[in-house]
C-alpha atoms as a PDB file:
ATOM      1  CA  MET A   1    -129.109 -95.726  24.776  1.00  0.00           C
ATOM      2  CA  GLY A   2    -125.508 -95.289  23.034  1.00  0.00           C
ATOM      3  CA  CYS A   3    -124.849 -93.293  19.834  1.00  0.00           C
ATOM      4  CA  CYS A   4    -123.318 -94.927  16.892  1.00  0.00           C
ATOM      5  CA  THR A   5    -120.704 -92.965  14.843  1.00  0.00           C
ATOM      6  CA  ARG A   6    -122.966 -92.463  11.993  1.00  0.00           C
ATOM      7  CA  GLN A   7    -125.901 -91.732  14.038  1.00  0.00           C
ATOM      8  CA  CYS A   8    -123.921 -89.057  15.932  1.00  0.00           C
ATOM      9  CA  SER A   9    -122.251 -87.709  12.682  1.00  0.00           C
ATOM     10  CA  MET A  10    -125.771 -87.283  11.407  1.00  0.00           C
ATOM     11  CA  ILE A  11    -127.356 -85.373  14.245  1.00  0.00           C
ATOM     12  CA  THR A  12    -123.928 -82.874  14.653  1.00  0.00           C
ATOM     13  CA  LEU A  13    -124.501 -82.583  10.510  1.00  0.00           C
ATOM     14  CA  CYS A  14    -128.148 -81.915  11.185  1.00  0.00           C
ATOM     15  CA  ILE A  15    -127.490 -79.407  13.816  1.00  0.00           C
ATOM     16  CA  LEU A  16    -125.009 -77.795  11.857  1.00  0.00           C
ATOM     17  CA  GLN A  17    -127.863 -77.391   9.512  1.00  0.00           C
ATOM     18  CA  LEU A  18    -129.877 -75.755  12.102  1.00  0.00           C
ATOM     19  CA  ILE A  19    -127.609 -72.948  13.075  1.00  0.00           C
ATOM     20  CA  ALA A  20    -126.603 -72.207   9.105  1.00  0.00           C
ATOM     21  CA  THR A  21    -130.240 -72.361   8.386  1.00  0.00           C
ATOM     22  CA  THR A  22    -130.978 -69.761  11.083  1.00  0.00           C
ATOM     23  CA  GLU A  23    -128.010 -67.341  10.974  1.00  0.00           C
ATOM     24  CA  ARG A  24    -129.477 -66.952   7.437  1.00  0.00           C
ATOM     25  CA  LEU A  25    -133.313 -66.910   8.593  1.00  0.00           C
ATOM     26  CA  VAL A  26    -132.022 -63.865  10.697  1.00  0.00           C
ATOM     27  CA  PHE A  27    -130.406 -61.594   7.807  1.00  0.00           C
ATOM     28  CA  ASP A  28    -133.176 -62.639   5.240  1.00  0.00           C
ATOM     29  CA  PHE A  29    -135.616 -61.217   7.695  1.00  0.00           C
ATOM     30  CA  LEU A  30    -133.454 -57.892   8.729  1.00  0.00           C
ATOM     31  CA  GLY A  31    -133.559 -57.664   4.888  1.00  0.00           C
ATOM     32  CA  PHE A  32    -137.048 -58.043   4.554  1.00  0.00           C
ATOM     33  CA  MET A  33    -136.369 -61.221   2.400  1.00  0.00           C
ATOM     34  CA  TRP A  34    -139.836 -63.040   2.200  1.00  0.00           C
ATOM     35  CA  VAL A  35    -139.140 -66.216  -0.417  1.00  0.00           C
ATOM     36  CA  PRO A  36    -135.922 -67.084   1.310  1.00  0.00           C
ATOM     37  CA  MET A  37    -137.277 -67.085   4.389  1.00  0.00           C
ATOM     38  CA  LEU A  38    -140.534 -68.714   3.667  1.00  0.00           C
ATOM     39  CA  VAL A  39    -138.162 -71.648   2.366  1.00  0.00           C
ATOM     40  CA  GLY A  40    -135.780 -71.501   5.394  1.00  0.00           C
ATOM     41  CA  PHE A  41    -138.126 -72.034   7.466  1.00  0.00           C
ATOM     42  CA  LEU A  42    -139.162 -75.264   5.207  1.00  0.00           C
ATOM     43  CA  ASN A  43    -135.699 -76.233   5.741  1.00  0.00           C
ATOM     44  CA  ILE A  44    -135.440 -76.312   9.320  1.00  0.00           C
ATOM     45  CA  ILE A  45    -138.288 -78.372   9.752  1.00  0.00           C
ATOM     46  CA  PHE A  46    -137.233 -80.998   7.202  1.00  0.00           C
ATOM     47  CA  VAL A  47    -134.071 -80.739   8.929  1.00  0.00           C
ATOM     48  CA  LEU A  48    -135.992 -81.532  12.201  1.00  0.00           C
ATOM     49  CA  PHE A  49    -137.588 -84.691  10.380  1.00  0.00           C
ATOM     50  CA  GLY A  50    -133.751 -85.676   9.855  1.00  0.00           C
ATOM     51  CA  ILE A  51    -132.688 -85.542  13.349  1.00  0.00           C
ATOM     52  CA  PHE A  52    -135.859 -87.499  14.393  1.00  0.00           C
ATOM     53  CA  GLY A  53    -134.990 -89.908  11.749  1.00  0.00           C
ATOM     54  CA  SER A  54    -131.782 -90.779  12.557  1.00  0.00           C
ATOM     55  CA  TYR A  55    -132.525 -90.244  16.571  1.00  0.00           C
ATOM     56  CA  GLN A  56    -135.476 -92.733  16.173  1.00  0.00           C
ATOM     57  CA  TYR A  57    -134.220 -95.108  13.398  1.00  0.00           C
ATOM     58  CA  ARG A  58    -137.003 -94.185  10.874  1.00  0.00           C
ATOM     59  CA  PRO A  59    -135.470 -94.908   7.359  1.00  0.00           C
ATOM     60  CA  LYS A  60    -138.625 -92.862   5.780  1.00  0.00           C
ATOM     61  CA  PHE A  61    -137.949 -89.441   8.057  1.00  0.00           C
ATOM     62  CA  MET A  62    -134.364 -89.981   6.591  1.00  0.00           C
ATOM     63  CA  ILE A  63    -135.702 -90.512   2.740  1.00  0.00           C
ATOM     64  CA  VAL A  64    -137.894 -87.319   3.249  1.00  0.00           C
ATOM     65  CA  TYR A  65    -135.388 -85.515   4.844  1.00  0.00           C
ATOM     66  CA  SER A  66    -132.772 -86.328   1.705  1.00  0.00           C
ATOM     67  CA  LEU A  67    -135.481 -85.654  -0.681  1.00  0.00           C
ATOM     68  CA  TRP A  68    -136.054 -81.995   0.535  1.00  0.00           C
ATOM     69  CA  GLN A  69    -132.417 -81.708   0.802  1.00  0.00           C
ATOM     70  CA  LEU A  70    -132.359 -82.291  -3.109  1.00  0.00           C
ATOM     71  CA  LEU A  71    -134.657 -79.317  -3.318  1.00  0.00           C
ATOM     72  CA  TRP A  72    -132.725 -76.977  -1.055  1.00  0.00           C
ATOM     73  CA  LEU A  73    -129.547 -78.047  -2.904  1.00  0.00           C
ATOM     74  CA  GLY A  74    -131.482 -76.873  -5.957  1.00  0.00           C
ATOM     75  CA  TRP A  75    -132.768 -73.548  -4.454  1.00  0.00           C
ATOM     76  CA  ASN A  76    -129.149 -72.685  -3.016  1.00  0.00           C
ATOM     77  CA  ILE A  77    -127.782 -73.258  -6.714  1.00  0.00           C
ATOM     78  CA  PHE A  78    -130.139 -70.985  -8.266  1.00  0.00           C
ATOM     79  CA  ILE A  79    -129.420 -67.976  -5.327  1.00  0.00           C
ATOM     80  CA  ILE A  80    -125.864 -68.500  -6.115  1.00  0.00           C
ATOM     81  CA  CYS A  81    -126.669 -68.384 -10.173  1.00  0.00           C
ATOM     82  CA  LEU A  82    -129.018 -65.225  -9.188  1.00  0.00           C
ATOM     83  CA  TYR A  83    -126.272 -63.179  -7.179  1.00  0.00           C
ATOM     84  CA  LEU A  84    -123.510 -63.896  -9.575  1.00  0.00           C
ATOM     85  CA  GLU A  85    -125.434 -63.078 -12.725  1.00  0.00           C
ATOM     86  CA  ALA A  86    -124.929 -66.328 -14.218  1.00  0.00           C
ATOM     87  CA  GLY A  87    -126.732 -66.766 -18.091  1.00  0.00           C
ATOM     88  CA  ILE A  88    -129.582 -64.931 -18.385  1.00  0.00           C
ATOM     89  CA  LEU A  89    -130.451 -64.448 -14.824  1.00  0.00           C
ATOM     90  CA  SER A  90    -129.926 -60.478 -13.167  1.00  0.00           C
ATOM     91  CA  LEU A  91    -130.667 -59.688  -9.605  1.00  0.00           C
ATOM     92  CA  GLU A  92    -132.090 -56.275 -10.752  1.00  0.00           C
ATOM     93  CA  GLN A  93    -134.425 -58.084 -13.315  1.00  0.00           C
ATOM     94  CA  HIS A  94    -135.656 -61.085 -11.333  1.00  0.00           C
ATOM     95  CA  GLN A  95    -135.178 -59.365  -7.273  1.00  0.00           C
ATOM     96  CA  TYR A  96    -139.120 -60.139  -6.940  1.00  0.00           C
ATOM     97  CA  MET A  97    -138.455 -63.643  -7.006  1.00  0.00           C
ATOM     98  CA  LEU A  98    -136.953 -63.123  -3.391  1.00  0.00           C
ATOM     99  CA  THR A  99    -138.971 -60.610  -1.991  1.00  0.00           C
ATOM    100  CA  PHE A 100    -142.757 -60.837  -3.696  1.00  0.00           C
ATOM    101  CA  ASN A 101    -141.703 -57.716  -5.158  1.00  0.00           C
ATOM    102  CA  THR A 102    -141.851 -55.134  -1.935  1.00  0.00           C
ATOM    103  CA  SER A 103    -140.382 -52.172  -2.825  1.00  0.00           C
ATOM    104  CA  SER A 104    -138.282 -52.007   0.703  1.00  0.00           C
ATOM    105  CA  SER A 105    -137.065 -55.818   0.844  1.00  0.00           C
ATOM    106  CA  GLU A 106    -133.171 -56.201  -0.359  1.00  0.00           C
ATOM    107  CA  SER A 107    -130.294 -58.097   1.313  1.00  0.00           C
ATOM    108  CA  TRP A 108    -129.617 -56.799   4.560  1.00  0.00           C
ATOM    109  CA  TRP A 109    -125.639 -57.229   3.558  1.00  0.00           C
ATOM    110  CA  ILE A 110    -126.195 -54.329   1.016  1.00  0.00           C
ATOM    111  CA  GLU A 111    -125.812 -51.455   4.138  1.00  0.00           C
ATOM    112  CA  HIS A 112    -124.355 -53.446   6.697  1.00  0.00           C
ATOM    113  CA  GLY A 113    -121.111 -55.202   5.008  1.00  0.00           C
ATOM    114  CA  PHE A 114    -117.902 -55.085   6.831  1.00  0.00           C
ATOM    115  CA  ASN A 115    -116.505 -51.562   6.655  1.00  0.00           C
ATOM    116  CA  CYS A 116    -119.419 -50.389   4.218  1.00  0.00           C
ATOM    117  CA  SER A 117    -119.544 -46.903   3.904  1.00  0.00           C
ATOM    118  CA  VAL A 118    -123.109 -45.675   2.889  1.00  0.00           C
ATOM    119  CA  THR A 119    -124.002 -42.184   1.478  1.00  0.00           C
ATOM    120  CA  TYR A 120    -127.528 -40.792   1.679  1.00  0.00           C
ATOM    121  CA  ASN A 121    -129.834 -38.164  -0.206  1.00  0.00           C
ATOM    122  CA  ILE A 122    -131.831 -36.477   2.553  1.00  0.00           C
ATOM    123  CA  THR A 123    -134.664 -34.521   1.906  1.00  0.00           C
ATOM    124  CA  THR A 124    -137.028 -32.584   3.873  1.00  0.00           C
ATOM    125  CA  LEU A 125    -140.758 -32.154   2.401  1.00  0.00           C
ATOM    126  CA  PRO A 126    -142.643 -29.011   2.863  1.00  0.00           C
ATOM    127  CA  SER A 127    -144.521 -31.007   5.243  1.00  0.00           C
ATOM    128  CA  GLY A 128    -141.249 -31.270   7.855  1.00  0.00           C
ATOM    129  CA  ILE A 129    -141.072 -34.789   6.948  1.00  0.00           C
ATOM    130  CA  SER A 130    -137.581 -35.889   5.693  1.00  0.00           C
ATOM    131  CA  THR A 131    -136.905 -38.962   3.779  1.00  0.00           C
ATOM    132  CA  SER A 132    -133.656 -40.669   2.643  1.00  0.00           C
ATOM    133  CA  GLU A 133    -132.609 -42.406  -0.529  1.00  0.00           C
ATOM    134  CA  ARG A 134    -129.877 -44.736  -0.214  1.00  0.00           C
ATOM    135  CA  ILE A 135    -127.217 -42.995  -3.032  1.00  0.00           C
ATOM    136  CA  GLY A 136    -124.380 -45.419  -3.232  1.00  0.00           C
ATOM    137  CA  VAL A 137    -122.046 -47.813  -0.846  1.00  0.00           C
ATOM    138  CA  THR A 138    -118.515 -47.604  -1.127  1.00  0.00           C
ATOM    139  CA  GLY A 139    -115.286 -49.070   0.937  1.00  0.00           C
ATOM    140  CA  CYS A 140    -116.908 -52.530   1.169  1.00  0.00           C
ATOM    141  CA  LEU A 141    -114.303 -55.317   2.147  1.00  0.00           C
ATOM    142  CA  LEU A 142    -116.635 -58.009   0.384  1.00  0.00           C
ATOM    143  CA  ASP A 143    -119.323 -57.042  -1.916  1.00  0.00           C
ATOM    144  CA  TYR A 144    -122.865 -57.610  -0.734  1.00  0.00           C
ATOM    145  CA  ARG A 145    -123.226 -60.349  -3.736  1.00  0.00           C
ATOM    146  CA  TYR A 146    -120.465 -62.630  -2.570  1.00  0.00           C
ATOM    147  CA  ILE A 147    -121.933 -62.712   0.641  1.00  0.00           C
ATOM    148  CA  GLU A 148    -125.286 -63.847   0.001  1.00  0.00           C
ATOM    149  CA  VAL A 149    -123.407 -66.521  -2.427  1.00  0.00           C
ATOM    150  CA  ILE A 150    -121.256 -67.952   0.756  1.00  0.00           C
ATOM    151  CA  HIS A 151    -124.215 -68.194   2.453  1.00  0.00           C
ATOM    152  CA  ALA A 152    -125.470 -70.149  -0.084  1.00  0.00           C
ATOM    153  CA  ALA A 153    -122.280 -72.527  -0.756  1.00  0.00           C
ATOM    154  CA  VAL A 154    -121.903 -73.237   2.816  1.00  0.00           C
ATOM    155  CA  GLN A 155    -125.741 -73.988   2.689  1.00  0.00           C
ATOM    156  CA  CYS A 156    -124.792 -76.640  -0.672  1.00  0.00           C
ATOM    157  CA  PHE A 157    -121.828 -78.069   1.219  1.00  0.00           C
ATOM    158  CA  LEU A 158    -123.933 -79.489   4.250  1.00  0.00           C
ATOM    159  CA  CYS A 159    -126.613 -80.440   1.970  1.00  0.00           C
ATOM    160  CA  VAL A 160    -124.712 -82.435  -0.010  1.00  0.00           C
ATOM    161  CA  LEU A 161    -123.552 -83.912   2.942  1.00  0.00           C
ATOM    162  CA  GLY A 162    -126.566 -84.439   4.381  1.00  0.00           C
ATOM    163  CA  ILE A 163    -127.865 -86.549   1.352  1.00  0.00           C
ATOM    164  CA  ALA A 164    -124.916 -88.306   1.527  1.00  0.00           C
ATOM    165  CA  GLY A 165    -125.306 -89.055   5.274  1.00  0.00           C
ATOM    166  CA  ALA A 166    -128.877 -89.635   4.561  1.00  0.00           C
ATOM    167  CA  MET A 167    -128.480 -92.636   2.496  1.00  0.00           C
ATOM    168  CA  VAL A 168    -125.405 -93.919   4.446  1.00  0.00           C
ATOM    169  CA  MET A 169    -128.605 -94.041   7.586  1.00  0.00           C
ATOM    170  CA  VAL A 170    -131.084 -95.859   5.377  1.00  0.00           C
ATOM    171  CA  LYS A 171    -128.808 -98.342   4.610  1.00  0.00           C
ATOM    172  CA  LYS A 172    -127.812 -98.868   7.818  1.00  0.00           C
ATOM    173  CA  PHE A 173    -131.513 -99.128   8.850  1.00  0.00           C
ATOM    174  CA  ASN A 174    -132.252-101.593   6.326  1.00  0.00           C
ATOM    175  CA  GLU A 175    -129.293-103.718   7.322  1.00  0.00           C
ATOM    176  CA  GLU A 176    -130.547-103.858  10.355  1.00  0.00           C
ATOM    177  CA  GLU A 177    -133.550-104.360   9.519  1.00  0.00           C
ATOM    178  CA  ASP A 178    -133.066-107.479   7.546  1.00  0.00           C
ATOM    179  CA  SER A 179    -130.525-109.018  10.444  1.00  0.00           C
ATOM    180  CA  CYS A 180    -133.270-108.495  12.495  1.00  0.00           C
ATOM    181  CA  THR A 181    -135.952-110.331  10.396  1.00  0.00           C
ATOM    182  CA  GLY A 182    -133.293-113.155   9.515  1.00  0.00           C
ATOM    183  CA  GLY A 183    -132.424-111.529   6.152  1.00  0.00           C
ATOM    184  CA  SER A 184    -134.225-112.221   2.965  1.00  0.00           C
ATOM    185  CA  VAL A 185    -137.467-113.831   1.865  1.00  0.00           C
ATOM    186  CA  ASP A 186    -135.577-116.682   0.026  1.00  0.00           C
ATOM    187  CA  LYS A 187    -134.068-117.756   3.988  1.00  0.00           C
ATOM    188  CA  LEU A 188    -137.105-118.004   5.056  1.00  0.00           C
ATOM    189  CA  LYS A 189    -138.469-120.212   2.745  1.00  0.00           C
ATOM    190  CA  MET A 190    -135.898-122.857   3.130  1.00  0.00           C
END
């Protein structure tokens, strides 16, 4: 079976979305960011709908994929606004939205960003147990918030391309279906 240009382009775009989402999931998992992980897993499921819909000529799968991509686009715009603290959003006040309010959950990039130097306050309890608390992070080449914004912006870009590609594929499938049935109902009555 040959692969037409639109179909191959859509499948390639979906594969790029899978790679980008998986990469983001890994770093969300390392930072125990539970809500983005759950939404990311849903994105993987719906991107698989997009792949199967493109490959098997299923317009309903492509419609489901494009509807999910609209929600995914909204989620990523929310993430961008949250990390840039746009409007009334504040990362410190709304961190619970990303972590199910678990205390050890935060972006992995806070301490592991490029060229970051982390300072800890290490205390030893009388029982001999040592605890460490992060005092500060300095020298980062790029602040963790901007790294998270870049991740979300890449997802937005792929999402917009995915929605446009899905709509083109649905139109193509409908045109091919009309040509196989002989056109519209009016032509059949003549």
